Amino acid sequence: MHALILADGDAPSRHDLDAAWPGWDDEIGLVVAADGGARHADPLGVSIDVWVGDGDSIDPGLLERLRARGVPLERSRPDKDESDTELAVLAALRRGAAGLVIVGGLGGARIDHSLANIGLLALPALAQRPTVLVDARARISLVRAPGPDGGPVQRSLAGRPGDLVSLLPFGGSVVGVTTAGLAYPLTDEPLPEGPARGLSNVRAVADASVRLRSGLLLIVESPARLDP
């Protein structure tokens, strides 16, 4: 079972999300709303299974409707250490989620929230659980290596030929990056933090992949139609 996290940033329409990432919700069996992210449920055609947050960004009427429907409400103090999205991630993991899809984690009025949501991909608890942030403009995930066996990690980059794929070091340089099926190949090469060498590669075939020996590598996929 995968969980859908509804964060409080901007969210695309269901139509745009389906067009950008067909099958994005195929394995969803649990929906967790993070505070004001509850507003995305009806437009996306999903039902909330649990709500978490400090209540500072949700319409009080919507919160009361959730309560009336019997949705569990896990209210937190405003002076907490975790963001509401992080609390939603933790709530999903407690309920056995094997992977996460986060919608509404990008955009919105505060760029620091977007950066913090991207940073959640590095949570140790998500190391063996596939997690993506998605909107109509991007699908963002993280590859971390070495793997549990101490060896390299390979990640599928399956998708439409022509879409953009950026490989960005996260939290330090990465070592031993090898790609297959991308227009600009890398062969056991480093991607140091700072230079933008991994930006705007292109998926040449549907079953592309990347292999990494060491480090944290952020994968940002963008539909080709966004390319200026």
Protein backbone atom coordinates (compact mmCIF):
# COMPACT_ATOMS: atom_id res chain seq x y z
CA MET A 1 0.00 0.00 0.00
CA HIS A 2 1.19 3.47 -0.91
CA ALA A 3 -0.08 6.65 0.73
CA LEU A 4 -1.09 9.92 -0.86
CA ILE A 5 -0.02 12.96 1.16
CA LEU A 6 -2.01 16.14 0.51
CA ALA A 7 0.30 19.03 1.41
CA ASP A 8 -0.74 22.67 1.68
CA GLY A 9 1.08 24.07 -1.38
CA ASP A 10 -0.25 24.45 -4.89
CA ALA A 11 -1.86 21.36 -6.42
CA PRO A 12 -2.62 20.71 -10.09
CA SER A 13 -6.00 19.67 -11.40
CA ARG A 14 -6.71 15.96 -11.64
CA HIS A 15 -6.70 16.29 -15.43
CA ASP A 16 -3.26 17.92 -15.52
CA LEU A 17 -1.79 15.44 -13.06
CA ASP A 18 -3.10 12.47 -15.04
CA ALA A 19 -1.74 13.98 -18.26
CA ALA A 20 1.70 14.66 -16.78
CA TRP A 21 2.16 11.35 -14.93
CA PRO A 22 -0.25 8.64 -16.07
CA GLY A 23 -0.85 6.08 -13.34
CA TRP A 24 0.54 8.32 -10.60
CA ASP A 25 -2.06 7.04 -8.09
CA ASP A 26 -2.26 3.37 -9.11
CA GLU A 27 -1.06 1.99 -5.76
CA ILE A 28 -2.69 4.52 -3.42
CA GLY A 29 -4.56 2.89 -0.54
CA LEU A 30 -4.36 5.64 2.10
CA VAL A 31 -4.89 9.41 1.93
CA VAL A 32 -3.40 11.67 4.61
CA ALA A 33 -4.14 15.40 4.57
CA ALA A 34 -1.62 17.83 6.02
CA ASP A 35 -3.60 20.74 7.46
CA GLY A 36 -4.85 22.99 4.62
CA GLY A 37 -3.89 20.35 2.09
CA ALA A 38 -7.29 18.82 2.85
CA ARG A 39 -8.77 21.23 0.32
CA HIS A 40 -7.14 19.25 -2.52
CA ALA A 41 -9.12 16.06 -1.81
CA ASP A 42 -12.34 16.88 -3.64
CA PRO A 43 -10.68 18.33 -6.79
CA LEU A 44 -8.45 15.23 -7.00
CA GLY A 45 -11.40 12.90 -6.45
CA VAL A 46 -10.02 11.23 -3.30
CA SER A 47 -11.33 10.73 0.22
CA ILE A 48 -9.25 11.64 3.28
CA ASP A 49 -8.51 8.79 5.68
CA VAL A 50 -6.70 10.86 8.33
CA TRP A 51 -5.96 14.56 8.89
CA VAL A 52 -2.93 15.93 10.72
CA GLY A 53 -1.70 19.44 11.51
CA ASP A 54 -1.91 22.39 13.82
CA GLY A 55 -5.01 23.77 12.12
CA ASP A 56 -3.57 27.12 11.08
CA SER A 57 -4.24 26.76 7.35
CA ILE A 58 -7.43 24.71 7.03
CA ASP A 59 -10.85 26.28 6.72
CA PRO A 60 -12.61 25.63 10.05
CA GLY A 61 -15.74 24.54 8.22
CA LEU A 62 -13.81 21.90 6.27
CA LEU A 63 -12.20 20.62 9.46
CA GLU A 64 -15.62 20.32 11.07
CA ARG A 65 -16.95 18.42 8.05
CA LEU A 66 -14.07 15.97 8.35
CA ARG A 67 -14.84 15.53 12.04
CA ALA A 68 -18.51 14.91 11.28
CA ARG A 69 -17.56 12.22 8.75
CA GLY A 70 -15.53 10.42 11.39
CA VAL A 71 -12.12 11.13 9.84
CA PRO A 72 -9.41 10.77 12.54
CA LEU A 73 -7.96 14.19 13.39
CA GLU A 74 -4.41 14.29 14.79
CA ARG A 75 -4.04 17.88 15.98
CA SER A 76 -0.61 19.16 16.98
CA ARG A 77 0.70 22.18 18.83
CA PRO A 78 1.65 25.20 16.68
CA ASP A 79 5.14 25.29 18.26
CA LYS A 80 6.12 21.84 16.97
CA ASP A 81 9.45 20.88 15.42
CA GLU A 82 7.96 19.09 12.40
CA SER A 83 6.16 20.63 9.45
CA ASP A 84 2.58 19.55 8.83
CA THR A 85 3.73 17.64 5.74
CA GLU A 86 6.33 15.80 7.81
CA LEU A 87 3.66 14.88 10.36
CA ALA A 88 1.53 13.53 7.50
CA VAL A 89 4.47 11.45 6.25
CA LEU A 90 5.03 10.02 9.74
CA ALA A 91 1.30 9.28 10.12
CA ALA A 92 1.34 7.36 6.82
CA LEU A 93 4.38 5.34 7.89
CA ARG A 94 2.75 4.43 11.20
CA ARG A 95 -0.13 3.02 9.18
CA GLY A 96 2.16 0.80 7.14
CA ALA A 97 2.67 2.78 3.94
CA ALA A 98 5.29 1.12 1.73
CA GLY A 99 5.67 4.21 -0.46
CA LEU A 100 4.48 7.81 -0.64
CA VAL A 101 3.16 10.22 -3.26
CA ILE A 102 3.13 13.84 -2.12
CA VAL A 103 0.84 16.29 -3.95
CA GLY A 104 0.74 19.96 -2.99
CA GLY A 105 4.31 19.91 -1.72
CA LEU A 106 5.54 22.43 -4.28
CA GLY A 107 4.56 26.01 -5.02
CA GLY A 108 2.48 28.13 -2.69
CA ALA A 109 3.36 31.41 -1.07
CA ARG A 110 6.54 30.26 0.71
CA ILE A 111 9.51 28.80 -1.12
CA ASP A 112 10.97 27.59 2.20
CA HIS A 113 8.06 25.17 2.52
CA SER A 114 8.78 23.79 -0.95
CA LEU A 115 12.46 23.34 -0.08
CA ALA A 116 11.58 21.69 3.23
CA ASN A 117 9.22 19.29 1.46
CA ILE A 118 11.93 18.31 -1.00
CA GLY A 119 14.23 17.80 1.98
CA LEU A 120 11.77 15.28 3.44
CA LEU A 121 12.85 12.86 0.70
CA ALA A 122 16.06 12.37 2.68
CA LEU A 123 14.29 11.18 5.84
CA PRO A 124 15.99 7.95 6.97
CA ALA A 125 12.58 6.29 7.37
CA LEU A 126 12.01 6.68 3.63
CA ALA A 127 15.27 5.01 2.59
CA GLN A 128 13.54 1.80 1.49
CA ARG A 129 10.16 3.34 0.62
CA PRO A 130 9.76 4.90 -2.85
CA THR A 131 8.64 8.49 -2.40
CA VAL A 132 7.85 11.17 -4.97
CA LEU A 133 6.65 14.76 -4.97
CA VAL A 134 4.44 15.39 -7.99
CA ASP A 135 2.66 18.23 -9.69
CA ALA A 136 1.95 18.97 -13.33
CA ARG A 137 5.43 20.47 -13.80
CA ALA A 138 7.70 18.00 -12.05
CA ARG A 139 8.11 14.58 -10.45
CA ILE A 140 10.85 14.63 -7.82
CA SER A 141 12.49 11.67 -6.12
CA LEU A 142 15.76 10.82 -4.40
CA VAL A 143 18.29 8.05 -4.94
CA ARG A 144 20.65 7.26 -2.06
CA ALA A 145 23.74 5.06 -2.21
CA PRO A 146 25.34 2.84 -1.22
CA GLY A 147 22.47 0.41 -0.75
CA PRO A 148 21.86 -1.82 2.27
CA ASP A 149 24.44 -4.29 0.91
CA GLY A 150 27.07 -1.56 0.59
CA GLY A 151 26.93 -1.64 -3.20
CA PRO A 152 25.68 0.73 -5.92
CA VAL A 153 21.99 1.50 -6.31
CA GLN A 154 20.14 1.47 -9.61
CA ARG A 155 16.87 3.34 -10.15
CA SER A 156 14.49 3.05 -13.06
CA LEU A 157 13.72 6.31 -14.85
CA ALA A 158 10.90 4.85 -16.91
CA GLY A 159 8.67 7.33 -18.71
CA ARG A 160 8.03 9.11 -21.97
CA PRO A 161 10.91 9.66 -24.40
CA GLY A 162 11.55 13.37 -24.75
CA ASP A 163 10.77 14.29 -21.16
CA LEU A 164 13.47 16.16 -19.25
CA VAL A 165 15.45 14.45 -16.50
CA SER A 166 17.72 16.51 -14.24
CA LEU A 167 20.20 14.77 -11.92
CA LEU A 168 21.18 17.05 -9.05
CA PRO A 169 23.51 16.29 -6.11
CA PHE A 170 21.70 16.78 -2.82
CA GLY A 171 23.49 17.65 0.40
CA GLY A 172 26.96 17.05 -1.03
CA SER A 173 28.68 15.66 -4.10
CA VAL A 174 27.72 12.27 -5.53
CA VAL A 175 30.09 9.65 -6.94
CA GLY A 176 29.84 7.04 -9.66
CA VAL A 177 26.81 8.17 -11.66
CA THR A 178 26.05 6.00 -14.68
CA THR A 179 23.00 6.54 -16.88
CA ALA A 180 21.28 4.42 -19.51
CA GLY A 181 18.70 5.66 -21.98
CA LEU A 182 19.38 9.38 -21.54
CA ALA A 183 20.49 11.58 -24.43
CA TYR A 184 23.61 12.84 -22.59
CA PRO A 185 25.18 9.78 -20.94
CA LEU A 186 27.25 9.63 -17.78
CA THR A 187 29.59 6.71 -17.13
CA ASP A 188 30.75 6.21 -13.52
CA GLU A 189 31.20 9.97 -13.16
CA PRO A 190 30.97 12.39 -10.22
CA LEU A 191 28.42 15.16 -9.97
CA PRO A 192 29.93 17.73 -7.60
CA GLU A 193 27.73 20.05 -5.60
CA GLY A 194 27.55 23.49 -7.22
CA PRO A 195 27.96 23.03 -11.00
CA ALA A 196 24.72 22.35 -12.89
CA ARG A 197 26.09 19.64 -15.16
CA GLY A 198 23.23 17.22 -14.50
CA LEU A 199 20.54 19.74 -15.47
CA SER A 200 18.15 19.15 -18.39
CA ASN A 201 19.11 15.73 -19.66
CA VAL A 202 16.52 14.08 -21.93
CA ARG A 203 14.94 10.64 -21.72
CA ALA A 204 15.80 9.00 -25.04
CA VAL A 205 13.97 5.70 -24.44
CA ALA A 206 11.06 4.68 -22.25
CA ASP A 207 13.09 2.42 -19.94
CA ALA A 208 15.95 4.75 -18.93
CA SER A 209 17.80 4.25 -15.64
CA VAL A 210 20.50 5.71 -13.40
CA ARG A 211 23.08 3.95 -11.23
CA LEU A 212 24.84 5.59 -8.27
CA ARG A 213 27.76 4.43 -6.13
CA SER A 214 27.67 7.00 -3.32
CA GLY A 215 25.71 10.06 -2.22
CA LEU A 216 22.22 11.52 -2.49
CA LEU A 217 20.99 12.25 -6.01
CA LEU A 218 17.85 14.27 -6.63
CA ILE A 219 15.92 13.27 -9.75
CA VAL A 220 13.68 15.97 -11.22
CA GLU A 221 11.57 14.86 -14.18
CA SER A 222 9.65 17.44 -16.24
CA PRO A 223 7.22 16.89 -19.12
CA ALA A 224 8.83 17.86 -22.43
CA ARG A 225 6.04 20.33 -23.14
CA LEU A 226 7.45 22.56 -20.39
CA ASP A 227 10.74 22.98 -22.24
CA PRO A 228 10.89 26.57 -23.59
